[in-house]
Amino acid sequence: MKKQLVIFLLMYFSAGLMAQDYEKFNPALYSMDNVCLSDEEYKLYKLVMDYRASKGLPSIPLSRSLTFVAQLHVWDLNAYNPDVGKCNMHSWTDNPLWSGCCYTRDHAKAQCMWDKPRELTNYQGNGFEIAYGMIGSQADAQGALAGWQGSAGHNDVMINAGIWTDEWKAIGMALANGYAVIWFGNDEDNTSKPTRCME
């Protein structure tokens, strides 16, 4: 019984790390088994799906793989701020677990984004990210959605408009501290869907 309790508590605190405490989060100990959505992350998912529904578009299935990528990226953004100078929020720091890049406005490093799901998970499709940041304050689901709706390029990604007419078949998201990101994919994710975190 004691052993089962220890295992349960370990699983509980591992799963809740993304939602509760990015400062104590260790990406080397995070795995696909730990992926869960906080209340605010799930709210963001529902808001985006409701927005798509208002445009006559179908819901996109939640992806464990793309949520894993999103949560690692939000941790990296919060912990190391690779989005400085000419590098925007699609940038990653160098890490033993993944390759880093300075993503610039000319999209010269787009491959860095496209490859991240394959680099970090078994998801074989390309990944496409939209990112939102609030300097010095807390990002939230409603603010992130409004920010993306107010940017023509990001809005097109959410509603499959402009150059983004291929159907999205997977979606993952993360939101913590000053950042929110959503990852989209044209390929289905064959892993199980992420659960809600026990907060």
N, C-alpha and C. Protein backbone atom coordinates (compact mmCIF):
# COMPACT_ATOMS: atom_id res chain seq x y z
N MET A 1 0.83 -1.20 0.00
CA MET A 1 0.00 0.00 0.00
C MET A 1 0.87 1.26 0.00
N LYS A 2 1.92 1.27 0.84
CA LYS A 2 2.81 2.42 0.91
C LYS A 2 3.49 2.66 -0.43
N LYS A 3 3.93 1.57 -1.08
CA LYS A 3 4.59 1.68 -2.38
C LYS A 3 3.63 2.26 -3.42
N GLN A 4 2.37 1.82 -3.39
CA GLN A 4 1.38 2.34 -4.34
C GLN A 4 1.14 3.83 -4.12
N LEU A 5 1.13 4.26 -2.85
CA LEU A 5 0.92 5.67 -2.53
C LEU A 5 2.08 6.51 -3.05
N VAL A 6 3.29 6.02 -2.87
CA VAL A 6 4.47 6.74 -3.36
C VAL A 6 4.42 6.88 -4.87
N ILE A 7 4.05 5.80 -5.57
CA ILE A 7 3.95 5.84 -7.03
C ILE A 7 2.88 6.83 -7.46
N PHE A 8 1.74 6.81 -6.76
CA PHE A 8 0.65 7.74 -7.10
C PHE A 8 1.10 9.18 -6.92
N LEU A 9 1.75 9.48 -5.78
CA LEU A 9 2.19 10.84 -5.52
C LEU A 9 3.22 11.30 -6.54
N LEU A 10 4.13 10.40 -6.93
CA LEU A 10 5.12 10.73 -7.94
C LEU A 10 4.45 11.07 -9.26
N MET A 11 3.46 10.25 -9.65
CA MET A 11 2.73 10.51 -10.90
C MET A 11 1.97 11.82 -10.79
N TYR A 12 1.36 12.08 -9.63
CA TYR A 12 0.57 13.29 -9.46
C TYR A 12 1.43 14.54 -9.61
N PHE A 13 2.55 14.55 -8.90
CA PHE A 13 3.38 15.75 -8.94
C PHE A 13 4.09 15.90 -10.27
N SER A 14 4.44 14.79 -10.93
CA SER A 14 5.05 14.89 -12.26
C SER A 14 4.08 15.50 -13.24
N ALA A 15 2.83 15.02 -13.22
CA ALA A 15 1.83 15.50 -14.16
C ALA A 15 1.49 16.96 -13.91
N GLY A 16 1.50 17.38 -12.64
CA GLY A 16 1.11 18.75 -12.33
C GLY A 16 2.20 19.78 -12.51
N LEU A 17 3.41 19.36 -12.75
CA LEU A 17 4.51 20.32 -12.84
C LEU A 17 4.29 21.36 -13.92
N MET A 18 3.84 20.92 -15.08
CA MET A 18 3.68 21.86 -16.19
C MET A 18 2.69 22.95 -15.82
N ALA A 19 1.63 22.57 -15.15
CA ALA A 19 0.59 23.54 -14.85
C ALA A 19 0.92 24.40 -13.64
N GLN A 20 1.72 23.87 -12.70
CA GLN A 20 1.84 24.55 -11.43
C GLN A 20 3.16 25.28 -11.21
N ASP A 21 4.28 24.73 -11.65
CA ASP A 21 5.55 25.31 -11.23
C ASP A 21 6.64 25.09 -12.27
N TYR A 22 6.75 26.01 -13.21
CA TYR A 22 7.77 25.87 -14.24
C TYR A 22 9.18 26.03 -13.68
N GLU A 23 9.30 26.74 -12.56
CA GLU A 23 10.62 26.96 -11.99
C GLU A 23 11.26 25.65 -11.53
N LYS A 24 10.44 24.69 -11.09
CA LYS A 24 10.95 23.41 -10.60
C LYS A 24 10.90 22.32 -11.67
N PHE A 25 10.44 22.66 -12.84
CA PHE A 25 10.27 21.68 -13.91
C PHE A 25 11.63 21.24 -14.46
N ASN A 26 11.82 19.94 -14.62
CA ASN A 26 13.05 19.40 -15.18
C ASN A 26 12.70 18.68 -16.48
N PRO A 27 13.04 19.25 -17.66
CA PRO A 27 12.64 18.62 -18.92
C PRO A 27 13.24 17.24 -19.12
N ALA A 28 14.38 16.97 -18.49
CA ALA A 28 15.01 15.65 -18.64
C ALA A 28 14.18 14.55 -17.98
N LEU A 29 13.32 14.93 -17.02
CA LEU A 29 12.49 13.95 -16.32
C LEU A 29 11.05 13.92 -16.87
N TYR A 30 10.77 14.80 -17.80
CA TYR A 30 9.41 14.88 -18.35
C TYR A 30 9.27 13.90 -19.50
N SER A 31 8.15 13.21 -19.56
CA SER A 31 7.96 12.23 -20.62
C SER A 31 6.54 12.34 -21.17
N MET A 32 6.29 11.63 -22.24
CA MET A 32 4.95 11.62 -22.84
C MET A 32 3.90 11.12 -21.85
N ASP A 33 4.30 10.28 -20.91
CA ASP A 33 3.37 9.76 -19.90
C ASP A 33 2.88 10.85 -18.97
N ASN A 34 3.64 11.93 -18.83
CA ASN A 34 3.30 13.01 -17.90
C ASN A 34 2.40 14.07 -18.51
N VAL A 35 2.15 14.01 -19.79
CA VAL A 35 1.47 15.11 -20.48
C VAL A 35 0.02 15.25 -20.00
N CYS A 36 -0.32 16.45 -19.58
CA CYS A 36 -1.69 16.77 -19.20
C CYS A 36 -1.93 18.25 -19.46
N LEU A 37 -3.18 18.63 -19.53
CA LEU A 37 -3.56 20.02 -19.77
C LEU A 37 -4.05 20.66 -18.47
N SER A 38 -3.50 21.82 -18.14
CA SER A 38 -4.02 22.58 -17.00
C SER A 38 -5.40 23.12 -17.36
N ASP A 39 -6.09 23.65 -16.38
CA ASP A 39 -7.41 24.23 -16.64
C ASP A 39 -7.34 25.34 -17.68
N GLU A 40 -6.30 26.19 -17.57
CA GLU A 40 -6.18 27.32 -18.51
C GLU A 40 -5.80 26.83 -19.90
N GLU A 41 -4.99 25.78 -19.99
CA GLU A 41 -4.65 25.21 -21.30
C GLU A 41 -5.87 24.58 -21.95
N TYR A 42 -6.67 23.88 -21.14
CA TYR A 42 -7.88 23.28 -21.69
C TYR A 42 -8.87 24.38 -22.11
N LYS A 43 -8.93 25.45 -21.34
CA LYS A 43 -9.79 26.59 -21.70
C LYS A 43 -9.35 27.16 -23.04
N LEU A 44 -8.04 27.26 -23.25
CA LEU A 44 -7.53 27.76 -24.53
C LEU A 44 -7.96 26.85 -25.67
N TYR A 45 -7.85 25.54 -25.45
CA TYR A 45 -8.29 24.59 -26.48
C TYR A 45 -9.77 24.81 -26.82
N LYS A 46 -10.61 24.89 -25.79
CA LYS A 46 -12.05 25.07 -26.02
C LYS A 46 -12.35 26.40 -26.72
N LEU A 47 -11.65 27.46 -26.34
CA LEU A 47 -11.88 28.76 -26.98
C LEU A 47 -11.52 28.72 -28.46
N VAL A 48 -10.41 28.08 -28.79
CA VAL A 48 -10.01 27.99 -30.20
C VAL A 48 -10.99 27.12 -30.98
N MET A 49 -11.45 26.02 -30.38
CA MET A 49 -12.41 25.16 -31.08
C MET A 49 -13.75 25.88 -31.25
N ASP A 50 -14.18 26.64 -30.26
CA ASP A 50 -15.42 27.42 -30.39
C ASP A 50 -15.28 28.47 -31.49
N TYR A 51 -14.11 29.09 -31.56
CA TYR A 51 -13.85 30.09 -32.59
C TYR A 51 -13.90 29.44 -33.97
N ARG A 52 -13.30 28.27 -34.11
CA ARG A 52 -13.35 27.55 -35.39
C ARG A 52 -14.79 27.17 -35.73
N ALA A 53 -15.53 26.73 -34.73
CA ALA A 53 -16.93 26.35 -34.97
C ALA A 53 -17.75 27.54 -35.48
N SER A 54 -17.42 28.74 -34.98
CA SER A 54 -18.14 29.94 -35.43
C SER A 54 -17.86 30.24 -36.90
N LYS A 55 -16.79 29.66 -37.44
CA LYS A 55 -16.43 29.82 -38.85
C LYS A 55 -16.85 28.60 -39.67
N GLY A 56 -17.61 27.70 -39.04
CA GLY A 56 -18.05 26.50 -39.74
C GLY A 56 -16.98 25.44 -39.90
N LEU A 57 -15.96 25.49 -39.06
CA LEU A 57 -14.83 24.56 -39.16
C LEU A 57 -14.92 23.49 -38.09
N PRO A 58 -14.39 22.30 -38.38
CA PRO A 58 -14.46 21.20 -37.40
C PRO A 58 -13.44 21.38 -36.27
N SER A 59 -13.69 20.68 -35.18
CA SER A 59 -12.72 20.63 -34.09
C SER A 59 -11.47 19.88 -34.54
N ILE A 60 -10.35 20.20 -33.91
CA ILE A 60 -9.09 19.50 -34.18
C ILE A 60 -8.81 18.60 -32.98
N PRO A 61 -8.50 17.32 -33.21
CA PRO A 61 -8.23 16.42 -32.08
C PRO A 61 -6.99 16.84 -31.29
N LEU A 62 -7.11 16.80 -29.98
CA LEU A 62 -5.96 17.08 -29.12
C LEU A 62 -4.89 16.03 -29.34
N SER A 63 -3.65 16.47 -29.36
CA SER A 63 -2.50 15.59 -29.60
C SER A 63 -1.59 15.57 -28.38
N ARG A 64 -1.33 14.37 -27.87
CA ARG A 64 -0.38 14.23 -26.77
C ARG A 64 1.02 14.66 -27.21
N SER A 65 1.40 14.27 -28.43
CA SER A 65 2.74 14.58 -28.93
C SER A 65 2.95 16.08 -29.09
N LEU A 66 1.99 16.76 -29.71
CA LEU A 66 2.14 18.20 -29.94
C LEU A 66 2.00 18.99 -28.64
N THR A 67 1.22 18.49 -27.69
CA THR A 67 1.14 19.13 -26.38
C THR A 67 2.47 18.99 -25.65
N PHE A 68 3.10 17.84 -25.77
CA PHE A 68 4.43 17.62 -25.18
C PHE A 68 5.43 18.63 -25.73
N VAL A 69 5.44 18.80 -27.05
CA VAL A 69 6.34 19.77 -27.69
C VAL A 69 6.01 21.18 -27.20
N ALA A 70 4.72 21.52 -27.17
CA ALA A 70 4.30 22.85 -26.73
C ALA A 70 4.74 23.13 -25.30
N GLN A 71 4.56 22.16 -24.42
CA GLN A 71 4.90 22.38 -23.01
C GLN A 71 6.41 22.52 -22.81
N LEU A 72 7.19 21.74 -23.54
CA LEU A 72 8.63 21.91 -23.47
C LEU A 72 9.04 23.28 -23.99
N HIS A 73 8.38 23.75 -25.04
CA HIS A 73 8.76 25.05 -25.59
C HIS A 73 8.38 26.19 -24.65
N VAL A 74 7.21 26.12 -24.04
CA VAL A 74 6.82 27.16 -23.10
C VAL A 74 7.77 27.17 -21.90
N TRP A 75 8.20 25.98 -21.45
CA TRP A 75 9.19 25.94 -20.38
C TRP A 75 10.48 26.62 -20.83
N ASP A 76 10.96 26.31 -22.04
CA ASP A 76 12.19 26.89 -22.55
C ASP A 76 12.07 28.41 -22.68
N LEU A 77 10.95 28.88 -23.16
CA LEU A 77 10.72 30.32 -23.30
C LEU A 77 10.74 31.01 -21.93
N ASN A 78 10.07 30.40 -20.96
CA ASN A 78 10.03 30.99 -19.62
C ASN A 78 11.37 30.92 -18.91
N ALA A 79 12.07 29.81 -19.07
CA ALA A 79 13.31 29.59 -18.31
C ALA A 79 14.49 30.35 -18.89
N TYR A 80 14.57 30.42 -20.24
CA TYR A 80 15.79 30.94 -20.86
C TYR A 80 15.58 32.11 -21.83
N ASN A 81 14.35 32.45 -22.12
CA ASN A 81 14.05 33.60 -23.00
C ASN A 81 14.88 33.62 -24.28
N PRO A 82 14.76 32.59 -25.12
CA PRO A 82 15.50 32.61 -26.39
C PRO A 82 14.97 33.66 -27.36
N ASP A 83 13.82 34.26 -27.05
CA ASP A 83 13.18 35.26 -27.92
C ASP A 83 13.69 36.66 -27.61
N VAL A 84 14.99 36.88 -27.80
CA VAL A 84 15.58 38.19 -27.56
C VAL A 84 16.25 38.70 -28.83
N GLY A 85 16.38 40.01 -28.94
CA GLY A 85 17.01 40.60 -30.12
C GLY A 85 16.22 40.27 -31.37
N LYS A 86 16.90 39.76 -32.37
CA LYS A 86 16.24 39.42 -33.63
C LYS A 86 15.53 38.06 -33.58
N CYS A 87 15.70 37.33 -32.48
CA CYS A 87 15.08 36.00 -32.35
C CYS A 87 13.66 36.14 -31.81
N ASN A 88 12.68 35.54 -32.47
CA ASN A 88 11.31 35.65 -32.00
C ASN A 88 10.90 34.44 -31.15
N MET A 89 9.62 34.35 -30.82
CA MET A 89 9.15 33.32 -29.89
C MET A 89 9.16 31.91 -30.45
N HIS A 90 9.48 31.72 -31.72
CA HIS A 90 9.64 30.36 -32.26
C HIS A 90 11.05 29.84 -32.04
N SER A 91 11.89 30.62 -31.37
CA SER A 91 13.27 30.23 -31.10
C SER A 91 13.35 29.23 -29.94
N TRP A 92 14.42 28.44 -29.95
CA TRP A 92 14.71 27.48 -28.87
C TRP A 92 16.15 27.66 -28.44
N THR A 93 16.41 27.46 -27.14
CA THR A 93 17.79 27.46 -26.68
C THR A 93 18.44 26.12 -27.01
N ASP A 94 19.76 26.11 -27.05
CA ASP A 94 20.48 24.84 -27.20
C ASP A 94 20.30 24.04 -25.92
N ASN A 95 19.99 22.75 -26.07
CA ASN A 95 19.72 21.89 -24.94
C ASN A 95 20.13 20.47 -25.33
N PRO A 96 20.66 19.68 -24.41
CA PRO A 96 21.00 18.30 -24.76
C PRO A 96 19.82 17.49 -25.29
N LEU A 97 18.59 17.93 -24.96
CA LEU A 97 17.40 17.19 -25.37
C LEU A 97 16.86 17.61 -26.73
N TRP A 98 17.29 18.77 -27.23
CA TRP A 98 16.81 19.25 -28.53
C TRP A 98 17.81 20.24 -29.12
N SER A 99 17.66 20.53 -30.40
CA SER A 99 18.53 21.49 -31.06
C SER A 99 17.95 22.90 -30.90
N GLY A 100 18.83 23.87 -30.75
CA GLY A 100 18.39 25.24 -30.60
C GLY A 100 18.41 25.99 -31.92
N CYS A 101 17.75 27.13 -31.95
CA CYS A 101 17.78 27.98 -33.14
C CYS A 101 17.29 29.36 -32.79
N CYS A 102 17.76 30.34 -33.53
CA CYS A 102 17.25 31.70 -33.46
C CYS A 102 16.32 31.88 -34.65
N TYR A 103 15.03 31.91 -34.37
CA TYR A 103 14.03 32.01 -35.43
C TYR A 103 13.80 33.49 -35.73
N THR A 104 14.08 33.89 -36.97
CA THR A 104 13.99 35.30 -37.35
C THR A 104 12.77 35.55 -38.24
N ARG A 105 12.49 36.82 -38.46
CA ARG A 105 11.29 37.21 -39.22
C ARG A 105 11.27 36.68 -40.64
N ASP A 106 12.45 36.38 -41.20
CA ASP A 106 12.49 35.89 -42.58
C ASP A 106 12.21 34.39 -42.69
N HIS A 107 11.93 33.74 -41.57
CA HIS A 107 11.61 32.31 -41.53
C HIS A 107 12.75 31.42 -42.05
N ALA A 108 13.96 31.93 -42.01
CA ALA A 108 15.11 31.16 -42.49
C ALA A 108 15.31 29.87 -41.69
N LYS A 109 14.84 29.85 -40.44
CA LYS A 109 15.01 28.67 -39.58
C LYS A 109 13.70 27.90 -39.42
N ALA A 110 12.83 27.98 -40.41
CA ALA A 110 11.53 27.31 -40.31
C ALA A 110 11.68 25.82 -40.06
N GLN A 111 12.73 25.22 -40.62
CA GLN A 111 12.94 23.78 -40.43
C GLN A 111 13.07 23.43 -38.96
N CYS A 112 13.61 24.34 -38.16
CA CYS A 112 13.75 24.13 -36.72
C CYS A 112 12.38 23.90 -36.09
N MET A 113 11.38 24.66 -36.54
CA MET A 113 10.02 24.47 -36.04
C MET A 113 9.41 23.19 -36.60
N TRP A 114 9.49 23.03 -37.91
CA TRP A 114 8.85 21.87 -38.54
C TRP A 114 9.33 20.55 -37.95
N ASP A 115 10.61 20.50 -37.60
CA ASP A 115 11.22 19.24 -37.15
C ASP A 115 10.98 18.92 -35.69
N LYS A 116 10.57 19.90 -34.88
CA LYS A 116 10.52 19.67 -33.43
C LYS A 116 9.66 18.47 -33.01
N PRO A 117 8.46 18.25 -33.58
CA PRO A 117 7.72 17.05 -33.17
C PRO A 117 8.48 15.76 -33.44
N ARG A 118 9.15 15.66 -34.59
CA ARG A 118 9.93 14.45 -34.89
C ARG A 118 11.15 14.34 -33.99
N GLU A 119 11.70 15.47 -33.62
CA GLU A 119 12.89 15.50 -32.77
C GLU A 119 12.57 15.06 -31.34
N LEU A 120 11.39 15.40 -30.86
CA LEU A 120 11.04 15.17 -29.46
C LEU A 120 10.06 14.03 -29.22
N THR A 121 9.35 13.59 -30.28
CA THR A 121 8.32 12.55 -30.13
C THR A 121 8.36 11.61 -31.33
N ASN A 122 7.42 10.69 -31.37
CA ASN A 122 7.29 9.78 -32.52
C ASN A 122 6.36 10.34 -33.59
N TYR A 123 5.84 11.54 -33.38
CA TYR A 123 4.98 12.18 -34.38
C TYR A 123 5.83 12.53 -35.60
N GLN A 124 5.45 12.04 -36.75
CA GLN A 124 6.29 12.17 -37.95
C GLN A 124 5.96 13.36 -38.83
N GLY A 125 4.84 14.02 -38.58
CA GLY A 125 4.47 15.17 -39.40
C GLY A 125 5.22 16.44 -38.98
N ASN A 126 5.10 17.47 -39.80
CA ASN A 126 5.66 18.77 -39.46
C ASN A 126 4.84 19.43 -38.36
N GLY A 127 5.49 20.29 -37.59
CA GLY A 127 4.80 21.07 -36.58
C GLY A 127 4.78 22.54 -36.98
N PHE A 128 3.66 23.21 -36.73
CA PHE A 128 3.50 24.63 -37.04
C PHE A 128 3.00 25.32 -35.78
N GLU A 129 3.70 26.36 -35.36
CA GLU A 129 3.43 26.99 -34.07
C GLU A 129 2.96 28.43 -34.21
N ILE A 130 2.01 28.80 -33.35
CA ILE A 130 1.71 30.21 -33.11
C ILE A 130 2.05 30.47 -31.65
N ALA A 131 2.61 31.63 -31.36
CA ALA A 131 3.07 31.94 -30.01
C ALA A 131 2.60 33.32 -29.58
N TYR A 132 2.41 33.47 -28.28
CA TYR A 132 1.91 34.71 -27.69
C TYR A 132 2.69 34.97 -26.42
N GLY A 133 3.11 36.20 -26.21
CA GLY A 133 3.86 36.53 -25.01
C GLY A 133 3.38 37.81 -24.35
N MET A 134 3.42 37.81 -23.02
CA MET A 134 3.06 38.99 -22.23
C MET A 134 4.26 39.34 -21.36
N ILE A 135 4.99 40.37 -21.70
CA ILE A 135 6.18 40.76 -20.96
C ILE A 135 5.78 41.28 -19.57
N GLY A 136 6.32 40.63 -18.55
CA GLY A 136 6.09 41.09 -17.19
C GLY A 136 4.74 40.79 -16.60
N SER A 137 3.92 39.98 -17.29
CA SER A 137 2.62 39.63 -16.72
C SER A 137 2.22 38.22 -17.15
N GLN A 138 1.11 37.76 -16.62
CA GLN A 138 0.64 36.40 -16.84
C GLN A 138 -0.18 36.29 -18.13
N ALA A 139 0.21 35.38 -18.99
CA ALA A 139 -0.60 35.10 -20.18
C ALA A 139 -1.83 34.30 -19.75
N ASP A 140 -2.93 34.50 -20.44
CA ASP A 140 -4.13 33.71 -20.17
C ASP A 140 -4.79 33.34 -21.49
N ALA A 141 -5.70 32.39 -21.42
CA ALA A 141 -6.31 31.83 -22.63
C ALA A 141 -7.04 32.88 -23.45
N GLN A 142 -7.85 33.70 -22.79
CA GLN A 142 -8.65 34.70 -23.52
C GLN A 142 -7.74 35.74 -24.18
N GLY A 143 -6.72 36.18 -23.46
CA GLY A 143 -5.80 37.16 -24.01
C GLY A 143 -5.01 36.62 -25.19
N ALA A 144 -4.58 35.35 -25.07
CA ALA A 144 -3.82 34.73 -26.16
C ALA A 144 -4.69 34.62 -27.41
N LEU A 145 -5.93 34.15 -27.25
CA LEU A 145 -6.82 34.03 -28.40
C LEU A 145 -7.05 35.39 -29.04
N ALA A 146 -7.32 36.41 -28.24
CA ALA A 146 -7.55 37.75 -28.78
C ALA A 146 -6.31 38.26 -29.52
N GLY A 147 -5.13 37.99 -28.98
CA GLY A 147 -3.90 38.40 -29.63
C GLY A 147 -3.73 37.76 -31.00
N TRP A 148 -4.01 36.47 -31.08
CA TRP A 148 -3.89 35.76 -32.36
C TRP A 148 -4.98 36.19 -33.34
N GLN A 149 -6.18 36.44 -32.83
CA GLN A 149 -7.25 36.91 -33.71
C GLN A 149 -6.91 38.28 -34.30
N GLY A 150 -6.16 39.07 -33.56
CA GLY A 150 -5.81 40.40 -34.03
C GLY A 150 -4.61 40.44 -34.97
N SER A 151 -4.02 39.29 -35.24
CA SER A 151 -2.89 39.18 -36.16
C SER A 151 -3.32 38.34 -37.35
N ALA A 152 -3.34 38.93 -38.53
CA ALA A 152 -3.88 38.24 -39.71
C ALA A 152 -3.20 36.89 -39.95
N GLY A 153 -1.88 36.85 -39.85
CA GLY A 153 -1.17 35.61 -40.11
C GLY A 153 -1.50 34.52 -39.11
N HIS A 154 -1.54 34.87 -37.81
CA HIS A 154 -1.85 33.89 -36.78
C HIS A 154 -3.31 33.46 -36.86
N ASN A 155 -4.18 34.40 -37.17
CA ASN A 155 -5.60 34.08 -37.31
C ASN A 155 -5.82 33.09 -38.44
N ASP A 156 -5.11 33.28 -39.54
CA ASP A 156 -5.23 32.36 -40.67
C ASP A 156 -4.85 30.93 -40.28
N VAL A 157 -3.81 30.80 -39.46
CA VAL A 157 -3.40 29.46 -39.02
C VAL A 157 -4.53 28.81 -38.23
N MET A 158 -5.16 29.55 -37.34
CA MET A 158 -6.22 28.99 -36.49
C MET A 158 -7.43 28.54 -37.28
N ILE A 159 -7.72 29.25 -38.39
CA ILE A 159 -8.98 28.98 -39.11
C ILE A 159 -8.73 28.46 -40.53
N ASN A 160 -7.55 27.90 -40.76
CA ASN A 160 -7.24 27.31 -42.07
C ASN A 160 -7.55 28.25 -43.23
N ALA A 161 -7.09 29.47 -43.12
CA ALA A 161 -7.30 30.47 -44.18
C ALA A 161 -5.96 30.83 -44.82
N GLY A 162 -6.01 31.64 -45.86
CA GLY A 162 -4.79 32.06 -46.54
C GLY A 162 -4.02 30.87 -47.09
N ILE A 163 -2.76 30.76 -46.72
CA ILE A 163 -1.92 29.64 -47.20
C ILE A 163 -2.10 28.39 -46.35
N TRP A 164 -2.95 28.46 -45.32
CA TRP A 164 -3.10 27.36 -44.37
C TRP A 164 -4.40 26.59 -44.58
N THR A 165 -4.69 26.26 -45.83
CA THR A 165 -5.98 25.61 -46.13
C THR A 165 -5.96 24.10 -45.89
N ASP A 166 -4.79 23.49 -45.73
CA ASP A 166 -4.75 22.06 -45.43
C ASP A 166 -5.35 21.82 -44.05
N GLU A 167 -6.14 20.76 -43.95
CA GLU A 167 -6.85 20.47 -42.69
C GLU A 167 -5.88 20.13 -41.56
N TRP A 168 -6.09 20.75 -40.39
CA TRP A 168 -5.32 20.36 -39.21
C TRP A 168 -5.91 19.08 -38.63
N LYS A 169 -5.06 18.11 -38.37
CA LYS A 169 -5.53 16.84 -37.81
C LYS A 169 -5.00 16.58 -36.40
N ALA A 170 -4.22 17.51 -35.87
CA ALA A 170 -3.70 17.38 -34.51
C ALA A 170 -3.37 18.76 -33.98
N ILE A 171 -3.54 18.93 -32.67
CA ILE A 171 -3.25 20.21 -32.03
C ILE A 171 -2.76 19.97 -30.61
N GLY A 172 -1.79 20.78 -30.20
CA GLY A 172 -1.31 20.73 -28.83
C GLY A 172 -1.04 22.15 -28.36
N MET A 173 -1.12 22.37 -27.05
CA MET A 173 -0.93 23.72 -26.55
C MET A 173 -0.33 23.73 -25.17
N ALA A 174 0.23 24.87 -24.83
CA ALA A 174 0.77 25.07 -23.49
C ALA A 174 0.64 26.54 -23.14
N LEU A 175 0.46 26.80 -21.85
CA LEU A 175 0.31 28.17 -21.37
C LEU A 175 0.84 28.22 -19.94
N ALA A 176 1.80 29.06 -19.70
CA ALA A 176 2.31 29.25 -18.34
C ALA A 176 3.07 30.57 -18.26
N ASN A 177 2.94 31.23 -17.13
CA ASN A 177 3.62 32.49 -16.89
C ASN A 177 3.35 33.46 -18.05
N GLY A 178 4.39 33.92 -18.74
CA GLY A 178 4.19 34.96 -19.75
C GLY A 178 3.93 34.46 -21.16
N TYR A 179 3.83 33.16 -21.37
CA TYR A 179 3.75 32.64 -22.74
C TYR A 179 2.59 31.66 -22.95
N ALA A 180 2.10 31.66 -24.17
CA ALA A 180 1.14 30.65 -24.63
C ALA A 180 1.56 30.26 -26.04
N VAL A 181 1.51 28.97 -26.35
CA VAL A 181 1.81 28.50 -27.71
C VAL A 181 0.80 27.43 -28.11
N ILE A 182 0.54 27.35 -29.40
CA ILE A 182 -0.25 26.26 -29.96
C ILE A 182 0.54 25.66 -31.10
N TRP A 183 0.58 24.33 -31.13
CA TRP A 183 1.23 23.59 -32.23
C TRP A 183 0.16 22.86 -33.03
N PHE A 184 0.24 23.00 -34.36
CA PHE A 184 -0.70 22.37 -35.28
C PHE A 184 0.04 21.35 -36.14
N GLY A 185 -0.68 20.31 -36.56
CA GLY A 185 -0.10 19.33 -37.46
C GLY A 185 -1.12 18.83 -38.47
N ASN A 186 -0.66 18.54 -39.69
CA ASN A 186 -1.54 18.02 -40.73
C ASN A 186 -1.69 16.51 -40.66
N ASP A 187 -0.85 15.84 -39.85
CA ASP A 187 -0.93 14.39 -39.69
C ASP A 187 -1.64 14.06 -38.38
N GLU A 188 -2.34 12.91 -38.36
CA GLU A 188 -2.98 12.46 -37.14
C GLU A 188 -1.92 12.01 -36.14
N ASP A 189 -2.25 12.13 -34.86
CA ASP A 189 -1.38 11.63 -33.79
C ASP A 189 -1.99 10.33 -33.28
N ASN A 190 -1.24 9.24 -33.39
CA ASN A 190 -1.75 7.93 -33.01
C ASN A 190 -1.59 7.63 -31.53
N THR A 191 -1.01 8.55 -30.76
CA THR A 191 -0.91 8.33 -29.32
C THR A 191 -2.24 8.70 -28.67
N SER A 192 -2.40 8.35 -27.39
CA SER A 192 -3.63 8.69 -26.68
C SER A 192 -3.71 10.20 -26.45
N LYS A 193 -4.91 10.70 -26.30
CA LYS A 193 -5.08 12.14 -26.07
C LYS A 193 -4.57 12.53 -24.68
N PRO A 194 -4.09 13.75 -24.55
CA PRO A 194 -3.64 14.19 -23.21
C PRO A 194 -4.82 14.31 -22.25
N THR A 195 -4.56 14.05 -21.00
CA THR A 195 -5.60 14.14 -19.97
C THR A 195 -5.61 15.54 -19.36
N ARG A 196 -6.57 15.81 -18.50
CA ARG A 196 -6.58 17.04 -17.71
C ARG A 196 -5.70 16.83 -16.49
N CYS A 197 -4.94 17.83 -16.10
CA CYS A 197 -4.07 17.75 -14.92
C CYS A 197 -4.91 17.69 -13.65
N MET A 198 -4.39 17.02 -12.64
CA MET A 198 -5.02 16.99 -11.34
C MET A 198 -4.48 18.16 -10.53
N GLU A 199 -5.23 19.26 -10.50
CA GLU A 199 -4.76 20.47 -9.83
C GLU A 199 -5.44 20.64 -8.49
